[in-house]
């Protein structure tokens, strides 16, 4: 009987702690508000090739560049290194063609994909 009571008490305490942690931690920080992401993004925006750069709510760094007809996977890997250097939480980089949002060949709402890299 004592063991059963102890197990029930333990389960109740664990549930109480879980509920406390769930509600006390508040909302998660949006990727665009993460301080490390902000610093990395400012550094990336200084790159001469980059026209625009954003970090989405999906934690993906999108940068737009002029299309020089080369594959930009290597450039995306380089941008991953900047993200890592600043301990940013973003771990995916997509390089898209500038001014291609409305292009019929657009890969997504950000434009034509020229290169990408998974930073992990």
Protein backbone atom coordinates (compact mmCIF):
# COMPACT_ATOMS: atom_id res chain seq x y z
CA UNK A 1 0.00 0.00 0.00
CA UNK A 2 2.81 2.44 0.85
CA UNK A 3 4.60 1.71 -2.42
CA UNK A 4 1.44 2.36 -4.46
CA UNK A 5 0.87 5.63 -2.59
CA UNK A 6 4.51 6.63 -3.21
CA UNK A 7 4.19 5.88 -6.94
CA UNK A 8 0.97 7.90 -7.20
CA UNK A 9 2.57 10.80 -5.37
CA UNK A 10 5.64 10.65 -7.61
CA UNK A 11 3.50 10.68 -10.75
CA UNK A 12 1.47 13.64 -9.45
CA UNK A 13 4.64 15.58 -8.62
CA UNK A 14 6.09 14.90 -12.06
CA UNK A 15 2.88 16.04 -13.74
CA UNK A 16 2.80 19.18 -11.61
CA UNK A 17 6.41 19.98 -12.57
CA UNK A 18 5.66 19.39 -16.23
CA UNK A 19 2.65 21.71 -16.11
CA UNK A 20 4.68 24.35 -14.30
CA UNK A 21 7.48 24.18 -16.87
CA UNK A 22 5.01 24.27 -19.74
CA UNK A 23 3.30 27.45 -18.55
CA UNK A 24 6.20 29.21 -16.83
CA UNK A 25 8.54 29.18 -19.80
CA UNK A 26 6.28 31.44 -21.85
CA UNK A 27 6.30 31.59 -25.61
CA UNK A 28 9.27 30.52 -27.62
CA UNK A 29 11.44 33.25 -29.09
CA UNK A 30 10.77 33.83 -32.77
CA UNK A 31 13.85 33.16 -34.91
CA UNK A 32 13.85 36.77 -36.11
CA UNK A 33 14.00 37.95 -32.48
CA UNK A 34 16.83 35.63 -31.40
CA UNK A 35 19.80 37.88 -30.47
CA UNK A 36 22.36 35.58 -32.13
CA UNK A 37 20.30 35.45 -35.31
CA UNK A 38 20.04 39.25 -35.33
CA UNK A 39 23.81 39.68 -35.02
CA UNK A 40 24.50 37.08 -37.72
CA UNK A 41 21.89 38.66 -40.00
CA UNK A 42 23.48 42.10 -39.66
CA UNK A 43 26.87 40.59 -40.53
CA UNK A 44 25.43 38.77 -43.53
CA UNK A 45 23.71 41.93 -44.80
CA UNK A 46 27.17 43.53 -45.09
CA UNK A 47 28.12 41.03 -47.79
CA UNK A 48 28.44 42.94 -51.09
CA UNK A 49 26.58 40.32 -53.16
CA UNK A 50 23.51 40.28 -50.92
CA UNK A 51 20.58 42.48 -51.88
CA UNK A 52 18.24 41.38 -49.07
CA UNK A 53 18.40 38.91 -46.18
CA UNK A 54 15.75 37.65 -43.77
CA UNK A 55 15.32 34.85 -41.26
CA UNK A 56 11.84 33.35 -41.50
CA UNK A 57 9.65 31.98 -38.72
CA UNK A 58 10.69 28.54 -40.02
CA UNK A 59 14.25 29.56 -39.02
CA UNK A 60 15.54 29.60 -42.60
CA UNK A 61 17.92 32.31 -43.77
CA UNK A 62 16.87 33.59 -47.20
CA UNK A 63 19.24 35.87 -49.10
CA UNK A 64 18.69 37.42 -52.50
CA UNK A 65 21.53 37.94 -54.96
CA UNK A 66 21.88 38.81 -58.62
CA UNK A 67 21.88 35.70 -60.82
CA UNK A 68 25.29 35.28 -62.44
CA UNK A 69 24.26 31.84 -63.77
CA UNK A 70 26.43 29.96 -61.23
CA UNK A 71 25.34 27.46 -58.62
CA UNK A 72 25.17 29.18 -55.24
CA UNK A 73 25.39 26.10 -52.97
CA UNK A 74 28.97 27.06 -52.06
CA UNK A 75 27.90 30.59 -51.21
CA UNK A 76 25.13 29.18 -49.02
CA UNK A 77 27.74 27.04 -47.22
CA UNK A 78 29.83 30.16 -46.66
CA UNK A 79 26.81 31.90 -45.11
CA UNK A 80 26.33 28.84 -42.87
CA UNK A 81 29.81 29.49 -41.50
CA UNK A 82 28.80 33.04 -40.57
CA UNK A 83 25.69 31.69 -38.83
CA UNK A 84 27.80 29.17 -36.90
CA UNK A 85 30.38 31.81 -35.99
CA UNK A 86 27.64 33.85 -34.32
CA UNK A 87 25.93 30.80 -32.76
CA UNK A 88 22.73 31.54 -34.66
CA UNK A 89 19.88 29.08 -34.36
CA UNK A 90 19.16 29.18 -38.09
CA UNK A 91 20.52 26.06 -39.72
CA UNK A 92 19.31 26.28 -43.30
CA UNK A 93 20.32 28.82 -45.95
CA UNK A 94 18.57 29.42 -49.26
CA UNK A 95 20.02 31.76 -51.87
CA UNK A 96 17.41 33.09 -54.28
CA UNK A 97 17.52 35.26 -57.38
CA UNK A 98 16.84 38.93 -56.72
CA UNK A 99 13.52 40.26 -58.02
CA UNK A 100 12.21 36.79 -58.89
CA UNK A 101 9.30 36.59 -56.46
CA UNK A 102 6.68 36.84 -59.20
CA UNK A 103 8.63 34.79 -61.74
CA UNK A 104 6.71 31.83 -63.17
CA UNK A 105 9.72 29.61 -62.33
CA UNK A 106 9.76 30.72 -58.70
CA UNK A 107 10.48 27.83 -56.31
CA UNK A 108 8.53 29.41 -53.45
CA UNK A 109 7.29 32.81 -52.27
CA UNK A 110 10.89 34.05 -51.99
CA UNK A 111 11.87 33.47 -55.61
CA UNK A 112 14.00 31.24 -57.82
CA UNK A 113 16.36 29.07 -55.82
CA UNK A 114 20.01 29.44 -56.87
CA UNK A 115 21.62 27.49 -54.04
CA UNK A 116 21.07 26.14 -50.55
CA UNK A 117 22.84 24.53 -47.65
CA UNK A 118 21.94 22.69 -44.47
CA UNK A 119 24.27 24.12 -41.84
CA UNK A 120 24.23 21.07 -39.56
